[in-house]
Amino acid sequence: MANQIIIKPIISEKSEGLSEKLTKYSFVVARKANKVEIRKAVEKEFSVNVAKVNTMVMPSKSKSRNTKRGMQKGRVSAYKKAIITLAAGEEIDFFGEV
């Protein structure tokens, strides 16, 4: 169940800064998942206590690239993003012992 709700973590400079300073972690989640389902999935998957869940739907974007045949146009799909705030003293380690 948790694998169907949590698609992948978002690893970027902004999300890493949030996780280091404020214990907030960003995930791409299923479009139909609500905050309660996301909270339960994160608590089950990573064995942490979730204090707060914020969600947002990121809009699709049009992209274009140049190829030998000319300009190729397409779209990047819309997705739902969840920002999880953990309880004090909690932490998620995505990379293990790298």
C-alpha atoms as a PDB file:
ATOM      1  CA  MET A   1       0.000   0.000   0.000  1.00  0.00           C
ATOM      2  CA  ALA A   2       2.771   2.447   0.918  1.00  0.00           C
ATOM      3  CA  ASN A   3       4.548   1.684  -2.360  1.00  0.00           C
ATOM      4  CA  GLN A   4       1.458   2.739  -4.315  1.00  0.00           C
ATOM      5  CA  ILE A   5       1.137   6.063  -2.456  1.00  0.00           C
ATOM      6  CA  ILE A   6       4.788   7.165  -2.207  1.00  0.00           C
ATOM      7  CA  ILE A   7       6.279   7.198  -5.707  1.00  0.00           C
ATOM      8  CA  LYS A   8       9.737   8.664  -5.026  1.00  0.00           C
ATOM      9  CA  PRO A   9      11.533  11.200  -2.846  1.00  0.00           C
ATOM     10  CA  ILE A  10      12.474  14.558  -4.342  1.00  0.00           C
ATOM     11  CA  ILE A  11      16.240  15.094  -4.118  1.00  0.00           C
ATOM     12  CA  SER A  12      17.160  18.690  -4.938  1.00  0.00           C
ATOM     13  CA  GLU A  13      19.115  21.509  -3.345  1.00  0.00           C
ATOM     14  CA  LYS A  14      15.971  23.099  -1.984  1.00  0.00           C
ATOM     15  CA  SER A  15      14.594  19.872  -0.508  1.00  0.00           C
ATOM     16  CA  GLU A  16      17.981  18.983   1.023  1.00  0.00           C
ATOM     17  CA  GLY A  17      18.116  22.407   2.689  1.00  0.00           C
ATOM     18  CA  LEU A  18      14.630  21.890   4.116  1.00  0.00           C
ATOM     19  CA  SER A  19      15.526  18.452   5.439  1.00  0.00           C
ATOM     20  CA  GLU A  20      18.732  19.636   7.120  1.00  0.00           C
ATOM     21  CA  LYS A  21      17.282  22.741   8.787  1.00  0.00           C
ATOM     22  CA  LEU A  22      13.595  22.002   9.395  1.00  0.00           C
ATOM     23  CA  THR A  23      13.226  18.179   9.145  1.00  0.00           C
ATOM     24  CA  LYS A  24      10.924  18.549   6.134  1.00  0.00           C
ATOM     25  CA  TYR A  25      11.092  15.924   3.393  1.00  0.00           C
ATOM     26  CA  SER A  26       9.568  16.106  -0.103  1.00  0.00           C
ATOM     27  CA  PHE A  27       7.981  13.196  -1.982  1.00  0.00           C
ATOM     28  CA  VAL A  28       6.175  12.667  -5.273  1.00  0.00           C
ATOM     29  CA  VAL A  29       2.936  10.914  -4.318  1.00  0.00           C
ATOM     30  CA  ALA A  30      -0.067   9.425  -6.093  1.00  0.00           C
ATOM     31  CA  ARG A  31      -2.497  12.030  -7.420  1.00  0.00           C
ATOM     32  CA  LYS A  32      -5.493  10.529  -5.598  1.00  0.00           C
ATOM     33  CA  ALA A  33      -3.754  10.129  -2.220  1.00  0.00           C
ATOM     34  CA  ASN A  34      -4.965  12.353   0.607  1.00  0.00           C
ATOM     35  CA  LYS A  35      -3.001  13.695   3.594  1.00  0.00           C
ATOM     36  CA  VAL A  36      -4.085  10.923   5.977  1.00  0.00           C
ATOM     37  CA  GLU A  37      -3.032   8.181   3.541  1.00  0.00           C
ATOM     38  CA  ILE A  38       0.301   9.909   2.890  1.00  0.00           C
ATOM     39  CA  ARG A  39       0.960  10.226   6.645  1.00  0.00           C
ATOM     40  CA  LYS A  40       0.253   6.523   7.245  1.00  0.00           C
ATOM     41  CA  ALA A  41       2.389   5.453   4.261  1.00  0.00           C
ATOM     42  CA  VAL A  42       5.426   7.513   5.381  1.00  0.00           C
ATOM     43  CA  GLU A  43       5.123   6.317   8.990  1.00  0.00           C
ATOM     44  CA  LYS A  44       4.927   2.687   7.839  1.00  0.00           C
ATOM     45  CA  GLU A  45       7.687   2.909   5.222  1.00  0.00           C
ATOM     46  CA  PHE A  46      10.320   4.827   7.213  1.00  0.00           C
ATOM     47  CA  SER A  47       9.282   4.102  10.858  1.00  0.00           C
ATOM     48  CA  VAL A  48       9.051   7.779  11.862  1.00  0.00           C
ATOM     49  CA  ASN A  49       6.403  10.023  13.457  1.00  0.00           C
ATOM     50  CA  VAL A  50       4.896  12.572  11.070  1.00  0.00           C
ATOM     51  CA  ALA A  51       3.882  15.917  12.573  1.00  0.00           C
ATOM     52  CA  LYS A  52       2.413  17.612   9.488  1.00  0.00           C
ATOM     53  CA  VAL A  53       1.684  16.952   5.796  1.00  0.00           C
ATOM     54  CA  ASN A  54       1.392  19.667   3.130  1.00  0.00           C
ATOM     55  CA  THR A  55       0.381  18.716  -0.420  1.00  0.00           C
ATOM     56  CA  MET A  56       0.354  20.525  -3.738  1.00  0.00           C
ATOM     57  CA  VAL A  57      -0.365  19.590  -7.340  1.00  0.00           C
ATOM     58  CA  MET A  58       2.425  20.716  -9.619  1.00  0.00           C
ATOM     59  CA  PRO A  59       1.116  21.662 -13.093  1.00  0.00           C
ATOM     60  CA  SER A  60       2.270  20.051 -16.313  1.00  0.00           C
ATOM     61  CA  LYS A  61       4.836  21.907 -18.407  1.00  0.00           C
ATOM     62  CA  SER A  62       5.485  22.019 -22.117  1.00  0.00           C
ATOM     63  CA  LYS A  63       9.032  21.140 -23.163  1.00  0.00           C
ATOM     64  CA  SER A  64      10.817  21.263 -26.491  1.00  0.00           C
ATOM     65  CA  ARG A  65      14.133  19.932 -27.762  1.00  0.00           C
ATOM     66  CA  ASN A  66      16.105  20.124 -30.978  1.00  0.00           C
ATOM     67  CA  THR A  67      16.755  16.932 -32.944  1.00  0.00           C
ATOM     68  CA  LYS A  68      17.967  16.076 -36.440  1.00  0.00           C
ATOM     69  CA  ARG A  69      14.378  16.151 -37.644  1.00  0.00           C
ATOM     70  CA  GLY A  70      13.717  19.568 -36.130  1.00  0.00           C
ATOM     71  CA  MET A  71      11.965  20.796 -33.015  1.00  0.00           C
ATOM     72  CA  GLN A  72      10.225  18.109 -30.944  1.00  0.00           C
ATOM     73  CA  LYS A  73       7.503  19.363 -28.629  1.00  0.00           C
ATOM     74  CA  GLY A  74       5.991  17.482 -25.730  1.00  0.00           C
ATOM     75  CA  ARG A  75       4.692  17.778 -22.186  1.00  0.00           C
ATOM     76  CA  VAL A  76       5.893  16.766 -18.750  1.00  0.00           C
ATOM     77  CA  SER A  77       3.003  15.282 -16.772  1.00  0.00           C
ATOM     78  CA  ALA A  78       1.501  16.978 -13.735  1.00  0.00           C
ATOM     79  CA  TYR A  79       2.252  15.364 -10.369  1.00  0.00           C
ATOM     80  CA  LYS A  80       1.336  15.712  -6.718  1.00  0.00           C
ATOM     81  CA  LYS A  81       4.035  16.710  -4.255  1.00  0.00           C
ATOM     82  CA  ALA A  82       3.896  16.202  -0.490  1.00  0.00           C
ATOM     83  CA  ILE A  83       6.120  17.967   2.043  1.00  0.00           C
ATOM     84  CA  ILE A  84       6.314  15.942   5.246  1.00  0.00           C
ATOM     85  CA  THR A  85       7.309  17.560   8.551  1.00  0.00           C
ATOM     86  CA  LEU A  86       8.636  15.042  11.064  1.00  0.00           C
ATOM     87  CA  ALA A  87       8.355  15.167  14.829  1.00  0.00           C
ATOM     88  CA  ALA A  88      11.282  16.618  16.812  1.00  0.00           C
ATOM     89  CA  GLY A  89      14.334  14.369  16.809  1.00  0.00           C
ATOM     90  CA  GLU A  90      13.156  12.229  13.872  1.00  0.00           C
ATOM     91  CA  GLU A  91      15.119  11.813  10.628  1.00  0.00           C
ATOM     92  CA  ILE A  92      14.926   9.891   7.326  1.00  0.00           C
ATOM     93  CA  ASP A  93      18.165   8.610   5.794  1.00  0.00           C
ATOM     94  CA  PHE A  94      17.643   8.046   2.047  1.00  0.00           C
ATOM     95  CA  PHE A  95      21.233   7.181   1.163  1.00  0.00           C
ATOM     96  CA  GLY A  96      22.143   4.792   3.996  1.00  0.00           C
ATOM     97  CA  GLU A  97      25.893   4.481   4.417  1.00  0.00           C
ATOM     98  CA  VAL A  98      27.134   5.937   1.143  1.00  0.00           C
END
